Amino acid sequence: MQIRVVAEIFKNNPVELSDTEAIHISIYSNKDNLNLTMVARHLYELIIYDYPSTDTFNLTDEQFILAGSRYNRSIERSQSDLYQ
């Protein structure tokens, strides 16, 4: 996980993080059980971004693919860009 993403999950502006906060997030992200929780939360948010009313327990193949693409490329690109 990127420090930026974890900061955003906790509703912090990544640009405004102190060095101590960034180090704390870095250490936190290296713990497997905590990292997996953050990854799951981030993937959930990516799915909800494109499909706000979807049942996240029953995703289609397209929803899985789009969430994976967004995980690597962020929400800044449009859906149509990700399918090219």
C-alpha atoms as a PDB file:
ATOM      1  CA  MET A   1       0.000   0.000   0.000  1.00  0.00           C
ATOM      2  CA  GLN A   2       1.118   3.512  -0.674  1.00  0.00           C
ATOM      3  CA  ILE A   3       1.410   5.912   2.231  1.00  0.00           C
ATOM      4  CA  ARG A   4      -0.812   8.321   0.297  1.00  0.00           C
ATOM      5  CA  VAL A   5      -3.651   5.794   0.029  1.00  0.00           C
ATOM      6  CA  VAL A   6      -3.519   4.840   3.712  1.00  0.00           C
ATOM      7  CA  ALA A   7      -3.520   8.520   4.703  1.00  0.00           C
ATOM      8  CA  GLU A   8      -6.581   9.132   2.525  1.00  0.00           C
ATOM      9  CA  ILE A   9      -8.384   6.109   4.017  1.00  0.00           C
ATOM     10  CA  PHE A  10      -7.906   7.729   7.437  1.00  0.00           C
ATOM     11  CA  LYS A  11      -9.209  11.037   6.012  1.00  0.00           C
ATOM     12  CA  ASN A  12      -5.823  12.788   6.162  1.00  0.00           C
ATOM     13  CA  ASN A  13      -4.310  14.922   3.433  1.00  0.00           C
ATOM     14  CA  PRO A  14      -1.152  13.023   2.361  1.00  0.00           C
ATOM     15  CA  VAL A  15       0.610  16.281   1.459  1.00  0.00           C
ATOM     16  CA  GLU A  16       0.213  17.528   5.026  1.00  0.00           C
ATOM     17  CA  LEU A  17       1.588  14.412   6.771  1.00  0.00           C
ATOM     18  CA  SER A  18       4.483  14.977   9.118  1.00  0.00           C
ATOM     19  CA  ASP A  19       7.544  12.758   8.775  1.00  0.00           C
ATOM     20  CA  THR A  20       6.513  10.971  11.967  1.00  0.00           C
ATOM     21  CA  GLU A  21       3.028  10.259  10.604  1.00  0.00           C
ATOM     22  CA  ALA A  22       4.443   8.959   7.314  1.00  0.00           C
ATOM     23  CA  ILE A  23       6.848   6.666   9.181  1.00  0.00           C
ATOM     24  CA  HIS A  24       4.017   5.437  11.408  1.00  0.00           C
ATOM     25  CA  ILE A  25       1.897   4.613   8.342  1.00  0.00           C
ATOM     26  CA  SER A  26       4.874   2.885   6.723  1.00  0.00           C
ATOM     27  CA  ILE A  27       5.444   0.678   9.778  1.00  0.00           C
ATOM     28  CA  TYR A  28       1.701   0.041  10.097  1.00  0.00           C
ATOM     29  CA  SER A  29       1.501  -0.993   6.429  1.00  0.00           C
ATOM     30  CA  ASN A  30       4.223  -3.607   6.868  1.00  0.00           C
ATOM     31  CA  LYS A  31       2.098  -5.661   9.262  1.00  0.00           C
ATOM     32  CA  ASP A  32       0.282  -8.282   7.176  1.00  0.00           C
ATOM     33  CA  ASN A  33      -3.050  -8.304   8.977  1.00  0.00           C
ATOM     34  CA  LEU A  34      -3.251  -4.510   9.016  1.00  0.00           C
ATOM     35  CA  ASN A  35      -2.067  -4.192   5.419  1.00  0.00           C
ATOM     36  CA  LEU A  36      -4.742  -6.633   4.257  1.00  0.00           C
ATOM     37  CA  THR A  37      -7.380  -4.616   6.088  1.00  0.00           C
ATOM     38  CA  MET A  38      -6.249  -1.430   4.329  1.00  0.00           C
ATOM     39  CA  VAL A  39      -6.122  -3.155   0.924  1.00  0.00           C
ATOM     40  CA  ALA A  40      -9.644  -4.519   1.441  1.00  0.00           C
ATOM     41  CA  ARG A  41     -10.904  -1.086   2.484  1.00  0.00           C
ATOM     42  CA  HIS A  42      -9.247   0.562  -0.526  1.00  0.00           C
ATOM     43  CA  LEU A  43     -10.693  -2.009  -2.953  1.00  0.00           C
ATOM     44  CA  TYR A  44     -14.133  -1.516  -1.400  1.00  0.00           C
ATOM     45  CA  GLU A  45     -13.866   2.249  -1.923  1.00  0.00           C
ATOM     46  CA  LEU A  46     -12.766   1.738  -5.537  1.00  0.00           C
ATOM     47  CA  ILE A  47     -15.753  -0.517  -6.231  1.00  0.00           C
ATOM     48  CA  ILE A  48     -18.167   1.950  -4.622  1.00  0.00           C
ATOM     49  CA  TYR A  49     -16.647   4.779  -6.676  1.00  0.00           C
ATOM     50  CA  ASP A  50     -17.825   3.185  -9.938  1.00  0.00           C
ATOM     51  CA  TYR A  51     -20.803   1.227  -8.630  1.00  0.00           C
ATOM     52  CA  PRO A  52     -22.231   3.145  -5.643  1.00  0.00           C
ATOM     53  CA  SER A  53     -25.272   0.922  -5.128  1.00  0.00           C
ATOM     54  CA  THR A  54     -23.673  -2.452  -5.817  1.00  0.00           C
ATOM     55  CA  ASP A  55     -23.726  -5.443  -3.500  1.00  0.00           C
ATOM     56  CA  THR A  56     -19.993  -5.782  -2.852  1.00  0.00           C
ATOM     57  CA  PHE A  57     -20.434  -9.410  -1.753  1.00  0.00           C
ATOM     58  CA  ASN A  58     -21.629 -10.379  -5.241  1.00  0.00           C
ATOM     59  CA  LEU A  59     -19.421  -8.666  -7.804  1.00  0.00           C
ATOM     60  CA  THR A  60     -19.466  -9.308 -11.528  1.00  0.00           C
ATOM     61  CA  ASP A  61     -16.285 -10.113 -13.441  1.00  0.00           C
ATOM     62  CA  GLU A  62     -16.384  -6.594 -14.892  1.00  0.00           C
ATOM     63  CA  GLN A  63     -16.519  -5.065 -11.404  1.00  0.00           C
ATOM     64  CA  PHE A  64     -13.532  -7.169 -10.270  1.00  0.00           C
ATOM     65  CA  ILE A  65     -11.543  -6.163 -13.336  1.00  0.00           C
ATOM     66  CA  LEU A  66     -12.355  -2.474 -12.960  1.00  0.00           C
ATOM     67  CA  ALA A  67     -11.471  -2.490  -9.240  1.00  0.00           C
ATOM     68  CA  GLY A  68      -8.130  -4.143 -10.060  1.00  0.00           C
ATOM     69  CA  SER A  69      -7.445  -1.588 -12.775  1.00  0.00           C
ATOM     70  CA  ARG A  70      -8.303   1.265 -10.451  1.00  0.00           C
ATOM     71  CA  TYR A  71      -6.097  -0.231  -7.728  1.00  0.00           C
ATOM     72  CA  ASN A  72      -3.128   0.133 -10.072  1.00  0.00           C
ATOM     73  CA  ARG A  73      -4.179   3.302 -11.889  1.00  0.00           C
ATOM     74  CA  SER A  74      -6.387   5.252  -9.415  1.00  0.00           C
ATOM     75  CA  ILE A  75      -9.763   6.902  -9.928  1.00  0.00           C
ATOM     76  CA  GLU A  76      -8.406   9.796 -11.968  1.00  0.00           C
ATOM     77  CA  ARG A  77      -8.844   7.961 -15.268  1.00  0.00           C
ATOM     78  CA  SER A  78     -12.258   7.379 -16.787  1.00  0.00           C
ATOM     79  CA  GLN A  79     -13.757   3.899 -17.055  1.00  0.00           C
ATOM     80  CA  SER A  80     -13.454   4.026 -20.843  1.00  0.00           C
ATOM     81  CA  ASP A  81      -9.687   4.670 -20.579  1.00  0.00           C
ATOM     82  CA  LEU A  82      -9.279   1.558 -18.449  1.00  0.00           C
ATOM     83  CA  TYR A  83     -10.977  -0.676 -21.016  1.00  0.00           C
ATOM     84  CA  GLN A  84      -8.628   0.271 -23.850  1.00  0.00           C
END
